[in-house]
N, C-alpha and C. Protein backbone atom coordinates (compact mmCIF):
# COMPACT_ATOMS: atom_id res chain seq x y z
N MET A 1 28.31 30.94 18.17
CA MET A 1 27.92 31.47 19.35
C MET A 1 26.38 31.30 19.39
N LYS A 2 25.93 30.39 20.05
CA LYS A 2 24.47 30.06 20.08
C LYS A 2 23.74 31.22 20.92
N THR A 3 22.40 31.75 20.29
CA THR A 3 21.92 33.17 20.70
C THR A 3 20.38 32.81 20.29
N THR A 4 19.46 33.03 21.38
CA THR A 4 17.83 32.68 21.03
C THR A 4 17.60 34.26 20.64
N VAL A 5 17.00 34.28 19.35
CA VAL A 5 16.40 35.60 19.40
C VAL A 5 15.21 35.72 18.43
N ASP A 6 14.40 36.50 18.64
CA ASP A 6 12.91 36.60 17.99
C ASP A 6 13.02 37.11 16.72
N ILE A 7 13.05 36.33 15.74
CA ILE A 7 13.21 36.95 14.17
C ILE A 7 12.12 36.97 13.56
N ASP A 8 11.75 38.00 12.91
CA ASP A 8 10.50 38.22 12.06
C ASP A 8 10.38 36.93 10.93
N GLU A 9 9.55 36.09 10.87
CA GLU A 9 9.73 35.34 9.97
C GLU A 9 9.54 35.31 8.48
N ARG A 10 8.70 36.25 8.14
CA ARG A 10 8.50 36.87 6.69
C ARG A 10 9.89 37.39 6.21
N LYS A 11 10.43 38.23 7.17
CA LYS A 11 11.63 38.87 6.80
C LYS A 11 12.81 37.91 6.49
N LEU A 12 12.91 37.03 7.49
CA LEU A 12 14.01 35.85 7.36
C LEU A 12 13.63 34.97 5.82
N ARG A 13 12.60 34.60 5.79
CA ARG A 13 12.16 33.95 4.33
C ARG A 13 12.54 35.12 3.33
N ASN A 14 12.27 36.24 3.12
CA ASN A 14 12.41 36.99 2.22
C ASN A 14 14.01 37.07 2.05
N VAL A 15 14.97 37.39 3.20
CA VAL A 15 16.42 37.44 3.06
C VAL A 15 16.84 35.98 2.49
N MET A 16 16.27 34.81 3.09
CA MET A 16 16.53 33.40 2.42
C MET A 16 16.26 33.14 1.06
N ARG A 17 15.39 33.92 0.52
CA ARG A 17 14.82 33.91 -0.96
C ARG A 17 15.85 34.82 -1.70
N LEU A 18 15.99 35.85 -1.43
CA LEU A 18 16.82 36.83 -2.29
C LEU A 18 18.30 36.34 -2.19
N ALA A 19 18.74 36.05 -0.93
CA ALA A 19 20.32 35.67 -1.09
C ALA A 19 20.53 34.13 -1.45
N GLY A 20 19.63 33.53 -1.71
CA GLY A 20 19.66 32.06 -2.00
C GLY A 20 20.17 31.28 -0.96
N ALA A 21 19.89 31.60 0.37
CA ALA A 21 20.31 30.98 1.50
C ALA A 21 19.64 29.71 1.75
N ARG A 22 20.21 28.59 2.06
CA ARG A 22 19.41 27.54 2.14
C ARG A 22 19.07 26.95 3.55
N THR A 23 19.73 27.78 4.52
CA THR A 23 19.55 27.55 6.06
C THR A 23 19.28 28.91 6.69
N ARG A 24 18.59 29.08 7.81
CA ARG A 24 18.24 30.26 8.50
C ARG A 24 19.59 30.99 9.09
N LYS A 25 20.56 30.26 9.38
CA LYS A 25 22.15 30.34 9.71
C LYS A 25 22.70 31.35 8.76
N ALA A 26 22.61 30.72 7.48
CA ALA A 26 23.11 31.27 6.18
C ALA A 26 22.50 32.70 6.10
N ALA A 27 21.31 32.70 6.17
CA ALA A 27 20.37 34.16 6.06
C ALA A 27 20.76 35.05 7.06
N VAL A 28 20.96 34.63 8.14
CA VAL A 28 21.23 35.53 9.21
C VAL A 28 22.77 36.06 9.11
N ASP A 29 23.63 35.27 8.84
CA ASP A 29 24.90 35.66 8.36
C ASP A 29 24.97 36.42 7.12
N TYR A 30 24.33 36.15 6.11
CA TYR A 30 24.52 37.03 5.06
C TYR A 30 23.95 38.50 5.51
N ALA A 31 22.83 38.67 6.13
CA ALA A 31 22.34 39.77 6.48
C ALA A 31 23.40 40.66 7.57
N LEU A 32 24.01 39.81 8.30
CA LEU A 32 24.79 40.56 9.17
C LEU A 32 26.07 41.13 8.13
N GLU A 33 26.58 40.34 7.39
CA GLU A 33 27.78 40.72 6.64
C GLU A 33 27.24 41.96 5.73
N CYS A 34 26.06 41.91 5.02
CA CYS A 34 25.47 43.04 4.20
C CYS A 34 25.56 44.27 5.31
N THR A 35 24.94 44.27 6.37
CA THR A 35 24.71 45.34 7.28
C THR A 35 26.27 45.91 7.61
N GLU A 36 27.13 45.08 7.94
CA GLU A 36 28.44 45.57 8.39
C GLU A 36 29.10 46.33 6.97
N ARG A 37 29.05 45.71 5.92
CA ARG A 37 29.37 46.25 4.55
C ARG A 37 28.90 47.66 4.32
N MET A 38 27.39 47.70 4.53
CA MET A 38 26.93 48.93 4.10
C MET A 38 26.89 50.05 5.10
N GLU A 39 27.13 49.55 6.53
CA GLU A 39 27.59 50.77 7.54
C GLU A 39 28.88 51.06 7.17
N LYS A 40 29.96 50.18 6.77
CA LYS A 40 31.10 50.85 6.60
C LYS A 40 31.38 51.90 5.29
N LEU A 41 30.49 51.44 4.27
CA LEU A 41 30.42 52.27 3.35
C LEU A 41 29.62 53.56 3.39
N ARG A 42 28.66 53.59 4.47
CA ARG A 42 28.05 54.84 4.63
C ARG A 42 28.96 55.79 5.55
N ARG A 43 29.80 55.14 6.37
CA ARG A 43 30.70 56.16 7.14
C ARG A 43 31.59 56.62 6.23
N VAL A 44 32.15 55.87 5.28
CA VAL A 44 33.13 56.32 4.15
C VAL A 44 32.52 57.71 3.62
N LEU A 45 31.24 57.41 2.89
CA LEU A 45 30.72 58.32 2.40
C LEU A 45 30.41 59.74 3.20
N GLU A 46 30.09 59.38 4.52
CA GLU A 46 29.77 60.60 5.16
C GLU A 46 30.74 61.52 5.33
N HIS A 47 32.05 60.84 5.37
CA HIS A 47 33.28 61.63 5.86
C HIS A 47 34.34 61.22 4.76
N PRO A 48 34.30 61.89 3.60
CA PRO A 48 35.26 61.36 2.35
C PRO A 48 36.62 61.90 2.92
N LEU A 49 37.59 61.54 2.43
CA LEU A 49 38.92 61.79 2.52
C LEU A 49 39.14 63.32 1.74
N PRO A 50 39.93 63.99 2.31
CA PRO A 50 40.07 65.30 1.36
C PRO A 50 41.07 64.81 0.18
N ASP A 51 40.82 65.81 -0.96
CA ASP A 51 41.53 65.56 -2.11
C ASP A 51 43.09 65.10 -1.99
N GLU A 52 43.78 66.08 -1.07
CA GLU A 52 45.15 65.80 -0.83
C GLU A 52 45.24 64.29 -0.73
N GLU A 53 44.56 63.55 -0.09
CA GLU A 53 44.80 62.11 0.22
C GLU A 53 44.89 61.35 -1.01
N TYR A 54 44.05 61.87 -2.08
CA TYR A 54 44.11 60.70 -3.18
C TYR A 54 44.93 61.41 -4.36
N ARG A 55 45.96 62.25 -4.09
CA ARG A 55 46.71 62.58 -4.91
C ARG A 55 47.93 61.76 -4.88
N GLY A 56 48.29 61.41 -6.00
CA GLY A 56 49.55 60.34 -6.03
C GLY A 56 48.94 58.71 -5.85
N ALA A 57 47.82 58.54 -5.70
CA ALA A 57 47.02 57.03 -5.43
C ALA A 57 47.38 56.55 -6.65
N VAL A 58 47.17 57.34 -8.06
CA VAL A 58 47.08 56.57 -9.20
C VAL A 58 48.32 57.08 -10.02
N ALA A 59 48.98 56.40 -10.85
CA ALA A 59 50.16 56.65 -11.62
C ALA A 59 49.52 57.78 -12.71
N GLU A 60 50.28 58.87 -13.01
CA GLU A 60 49.95 59.93 -13.65
C GLU A 60 49.66 59.45 -15.23
N GLU A 61 50.64 58.56 -15.58
CA GLU A 61 50.49 57.87 -17.01
C GLU A 61 49.27 56.99 -17.18
N TYR A 62 48.58 56.43 -16.10
CA TYR A 62 47.49 55.65 -16.28
C TYR A 62 46.31 56.50 -16.92
N ASN A 63 45.95 55.72 -18.18
CA ASN A 63 44.70 56.27 -19.04
C ASN A 63 43.78 55.42 -18.85
N LEU A 64 42.71 55.42 -18.38
CA LEU A 64 41.59 54.61 -18.50
C LEU A 64 40.85 54.61 -19.69
N SER A 65 40.72 55.66 -20.41
CA SER A 65 39.95 55.76 -21.82
C SER A 65 40.99 54.83 -22.78
N ASP A 66 42.23 55.05 -22.64
CA ASP A 66 43.18 54.36 -23.44
C ASP A 66 42.82 52.82 -23.49
N LEU A 67 42.81 52.47 -21.95
CA LEU A 67 42.80 50.92 -21.68
C LEU A 67 41.38 50.34 -22.13
N ARG A 68 40.18 51.23 -21.94
CA ARG A 68 39.13 50.87 -22.43
C ARG A 68 38.99 50.86 -23.95
N GLU A 69 39.65 51.58 -24.70
CA GLU A 69 39.61 51.64 -26.16
C GLU A 69 40.36 50.48 -26.51
N LYS A 70 41.61 49.89 -25.93
CA LYS A 70 42.09 48.81 -26.36
C LYS A 70 41.21 47.44 -26.26
N ASP A 71 40.52 47.62 -24.86
CA ASP A 71 39.78 46.39 -24.76
C ASP A 71 38.64 46.28 -25.36
N THR A 72 38.07 47.27 -26.23
CA THR A 72 36.79 47.19 -26.98
C THR A 72 36.97 46.02 -28.18
N PRO A 73 35.77 45.08 -28.20
CA PRO A 73 35.84 44.01 -28.92
C PRO A 73 35.89 44.54 -30.61
N GLY A 74 36.41 43.94 -31.72
CA GLY A 74 36.31 44.22 -32.93
C GLY A 74 37.15 45.51 -33.20
N ARG A 75 37.80 46.11 -32.54
CA ARG A 75 38.73 47.46 -32.72
C ARG A 75 40.01 46.89 -33.14
N ARG A 76 40.63 47.63 -34.07
CA ARG A 76 41.91 47.42 -34.50
C ARG A 76 42.66 48.26 -33.77
N HIS A 77 43.95 47.85 -33.02
CA HIS A 77 44.75 48.73 -32.22
C HIS A 77 45.75 49.21 -33.18
N VAL A 78 46.02 50.40 -32.55
CA VAL A 78 47.11 51.21 -33.55
C VAL A 78 48.44 50.32 -33.39
N ASP A 79 48.69 49.81 -32.46
CA ASP A 79 50.08 49.23 -32.19
C ASP A 79 50.08 47.87 -32.53
N ASP A 80 48.76 47.39 -33.32
CA ASP A 80 49.03 46.06 -34.03
C ASP A 80 49.67 45.81 -35.25
């Protein structure tokens, strides 16, 4: 959709540089996507789900510490 908008050139150049956007359109699309993502995250963080909603979300036998230890380079695994 084509729209005429008065955009601050300094801000647009900064977004293009930071995002590595080659065109003005790409920079505006990037800024819109980031803003949408940020607002969704803000809303989730403002209204977190109650603890009951998380119960059962991860299998009880799942152990992140064990997985990290197995993936540590140079470590000899007990089951090797």
